[in-house]
Amino acid sequence: MTKPPLDNHGKLDKPLCRADSPTLLAEKPLLLNPEIDEPELHFVFLPNGEIKALSEKGQKTEQICKLNRFDLVLERKTKVDQFISKIRRLADYFIQGIINEDTLHYSLKLLFIDILKAQSPEQPYSQLAWFMFKKFEWFFLKPLGTKQQEVIRKAFQLFKQGKL
């Protein structure tokens, strides 16, 4: 399309300008459009801050937008590491008897809510937060010791069931 689509009155035909209009969809775009594409079908966020493409569209978007450039990878890794650090500290405090189960659950609930809030579209790295919650075990349990994993896994299951 070389000219903007106009209606019969010469005004911009807004429905034809939508990313999901048949005309624009027929273009077979190479890049992801977050308005109509589901990023989780094209990317995986890794705990080390990198993004791995799962599709050609994801690969082109990652390459052209340079989604694995140093500053972005570092910022994403920092966000993951901050949550891991808090989770590890709470698990250790509980295991050492510094805090009781009620305090552990209350503190973890607040932390889990923070991860959910970070998924809001207006938050930076919201898709990363979605992955952190969806792949909780991969992001947060895998780096922990066995006892820490048991404590956090149980609390996360309770949280997902609405019992925390």
Protein backbone atom coordinates (compact mmCIF):
# COMPACT_ATOMS: atom_id res chain seq x y z
CA MET A 1 0.00 0.00 0.00
CA THR A 2 1.61 3.27 -1.09
CA LYS A 3 -1.16 5.70 -0.10
CA PRO A 4 -3.15 5.79 3.13
CA PRO A 5 -6.59 4.21 2.74
CA LEU A 6 -9.32 6.81 2.41
CA ASP A 7 -13.07 6.41 2.76
CA ASN A 8 -15.66 7.79 0.30
CA HIS A 9 -15.40 11.23 1.91
CA GLY A 10 -11.64 11.46 1.50
CA LYS A 11 -10.99 10.86 5.20
CA LEU A 12 -8.63 8.27 6.60
CA ASP A 13 -10.31 4.85 6.76
CA LYS A 14 -9.22 3.96 10.29
CA PRO A 15 -10.37 0.32 10.30
CA LEU A 16 -8.12 -0.35 7.30
CA CYS A 17 -5.17 1.13 9.22
CA ARG A 18 -5.47 -1.38 12.06
CA ALA A 19 -2.61 -3.87 12.30
CA ASP A 20 -5.11 -6.72 12.02
CA SER A 21 -6.86 -5.40 8.90
CA PRO A 22 -6.98 -7.90 6.01
CA THR A 23 -4.97 -5.51 3.83
CA LEU A 24 -2.08 -5.22 6.28
CA LEU A 25 -2.17 -8.89 7.24
CA ALA A 26 -1.83 -9.79 3.56
CA GLU A 27 1.59 -8.09 3.54
CA LYS A 28 3.13 -11.08 5.38
CA PRO A 29 5.27 -8.96 7.73
CA LEU A 30 8.66 -10.22 8.85
CA LEU A 31 8.55 -8.53 12.27
CA LEU A 32 6.33 -9.26 15.23
CA ASN A 33 3.56 -6.81 15.98
CA PRO A 34 2.75 -6.97 19.71
CA GLU A 35 -0.79 -5.78 18.97
CA ILE A 36 -1.66 -8.92 17.03
CA ASP A 37 1.15 -11.46 17.54
CA GLU A 38 1.62 -13.51 20.68
CA PRO A 39 5.30 -12.99 21.59
CA GLU A 40 5.43 -16.21 23.63
CA LEU A 41 4.93 -18.15 20.39
CA HIS A 42 8.00 -16.50 18.89
CA PHE A 43 10.38 -15.91 21.81
CA VAL A 44 11.57 -17.49 25.01
CA PHE A 45 13.07 -15.30 27.68
CA LEU A 46 15.97 -16.99 29.41
CA PRO A 47 17.01 -16.54 33.05
CA ASN A 48 20.36 -15.13 31.87
CA GLY A 49 18.53 -12.15 30.29
CA GLU A 50 18.76 -13.31 26.70
CA ILE A 51 15.91 -13.92 24.31
CA LYS A 52 15.84 -17.04 22.16
CA ALA A 53 13.79 -16.92 18.96
CA LEU A 54 11.38 -19.80 18.31
CA SER A 55 10.25 -18.77 14.85
CA GLU A 56 11.51 -17.01 11.76
CA LYS A 57 9.44 -13.97 12.68
CA GLY A 58 10.91 -14.03 16.18
CA GLN A 59 14.44 -14.39 14.78
CA LYS A 60 14.00 -11.44 12.38
CA THR A 61 12.51 -9.29 15.15
CA GLU A 62 15.35 -10.19 17.53
CA GLN A 63 17.98 -9.41 14.88
CA ILE A 64 16.52 -6.19 13.51
CA CYS A 65 15.52 -4.77 16.92
CA LYS A 66 18.74 -6.07 18.49
CA LEU A 67 16.80 -7.55 21.42
CA ASN A 68 19.93 -9.30 22.73
CA ARG A 69 22.10 -6.20 22.87
CA PHE A 70 24.19 -5.93 26.00
CA ASP A 71 22.19 -3.26 27.86
CA LEU A 72 18.85 -5.07 27.38
CA VAL A 73 20.26 -8.47 28.36
CA LEU A 74 21.88 -6.93 31.45
CA GLU A 75 18.68 -5.16 32.51
CA ARG A 76 16.57 -8.30 32.08
CA LYS A 77 19.13 -10.42 33.97
CA THR A 78 19.24 -7.84 36.76
CA LYS A 79 15.45 -8.03 37.15
CA VAL A 80 15.56 -11.84 37.33
CA ASP A 81 18.50 -11.79 39.76
CA GLN A 82 16.75 -9.33 42.06
CA PHE A 83 13.77 -11.66 42.41
CA ILE A 84 16.00 -14.72 42.86
CA SER A 85 17.97 -12.95 45.57
CA LYS A 86 14.82 -12.03 47.52
CA ILE A 87 13.37 -15.53 47.15
CA ARG A 88 16.63 -17.18 48.23
CA ARG A 89 16.95 -14.86 51.25
CA LEU A 90 13.40 -15.60 52.42
CA ALA A 91 13.87 -19.35 52.02
CA ASP A 92 17.16 -19.20 53.95
CA TYR A 93 15.63 -17.12 56.75
CA PHE A 94 12.82 -19.66 57.09
CA ILE A 95 15.13 -22.68 57.01
CA GLN A 96 17.39 -21.04 59.63
CA GLY A 97 14.41 -20.25 61.86
CA ILE A 98 14.84 -16.49 61.56
CA ILE A 99 11.27 -16.09 60.27
CA ASN A 100 8.23 -18.29 60.82
CA GLU A 101 5.95 -19.79 58.17
CA ASP A 102 3.41 -16.96 58.38
CA THR A 103 6.09 -14.34 57.76
CA LEU A 104 7.55 -16.41 54.93
CA HIS A 105 4.16 -16.81 53.25
CA TYR A 106 3.25 -13.14 53.68
CA SER A 107 6.60 -11.98 52.27
CA LEU A 108 6.49 -14.41 49.35
CA LYS A 109 2.91 -13.43 48.57
CA LEU A 110 4.00 -9.81 48.23
CA LEU A 111 6.88 -10.87 46.03
CA PHE A 112 4.66 -13.03 43.80
CA ILE A 113 2.22 -10.12 43.49
CA ASP A 114 5.14 -7.91 42.41
CA ILE A 115 5.90 -10.38 39.62
CA LEU A 116 2.24 -10.29 38.56
CA LYS A 117 2.17 -6.48 38.62
CA ALA A 118 5.34 -6.39 36.49
CA GLN A 119 3.33 -8.13 33.74
CA SER A 120 1.21 -5.04 33.21
CA PRO A 121 1.73 -3.73 29.64
CA GLU A 122 2.78 -0.30 30.87
CA GLN A 123 5.65 -1.81 32.89
CA PRO A 124 9.07 -2.21 31.30
CA TYR A 125 9.98 -5.81 30.53
CA SER A 126 6.39 -6.95 31.08
CA GLN A 127 6.81 -9.95 28.77
CA LEU A 128 9.84 -11.05 30.79
CA ALA A 129 7.69 -10.90 33.94
CA TRP A 130 5.06 -13.04 32.19
CA PHE A 131 7.74 -15.65 31.46
CA MET A 132 9.10 -15.46 35.01
CA PHE A 133 5.68 -16.29 36.42
CA LYS A 134 4.75 -18.86 33.76
CA LYS A 135 8.14 -20.61 33.97
CA PHE A 136 8.60 -20.02 37.69
CA GLU A 137 10.43 -23.27 38.30
CA TRP A 138 12.93 -22.63 35.54
CA PHE A 139 13.60 -19.03 36.60
CA PHE A 140 13.48 -19.31 40.37
CA LEU A 141 13.56 -22.87 41.67
CA LYS A 142 16.33 -24.29 39.50
CA PRO A 143 19.01 -21.92 40.94
CA LEU A 144 18.07 -22.83 44.54
CA GLY A 145 19.22 -25.63 46.79
CA THR A 146 16.96 -28.62 47.48
CA LYS A 147 15.56 -27.38 50.81
CA GLN A 148 15.02 -23.90 49.42
CA GLN A 149 13.21 -25.38 46.41
CA GLU A 150 10.83 -27.36 48.63
CA VAL A 151 9.91 -24.29 50.67
CA ILE A 152 9.41 -21.97 47.68
CA ARG A 153 7.63 -24.56 45.50
CA LYS A 154 5.06 -25.20 48.23
CA ALA A 155 4.44 -21.48 48.75
CA PHE A 156 4.13 -20.82 45.01
CA GLN A 157 1.60 -23.65 44.63
CA LEU A 158 -0.43 -22.20 47.51
CA PHE A 159 -0.27 -18.77 45.90
CA LYS A 160 -1.52 -20.07 42.54
CA GLN A 161 -4.38 -21.83 44.34
CA GLY A 162 -5.28 -18.58 46.13
CA LYS A 163 -4.45 -20.09 49.54
CA LEU A 164 -1.45 -17.95 50.40
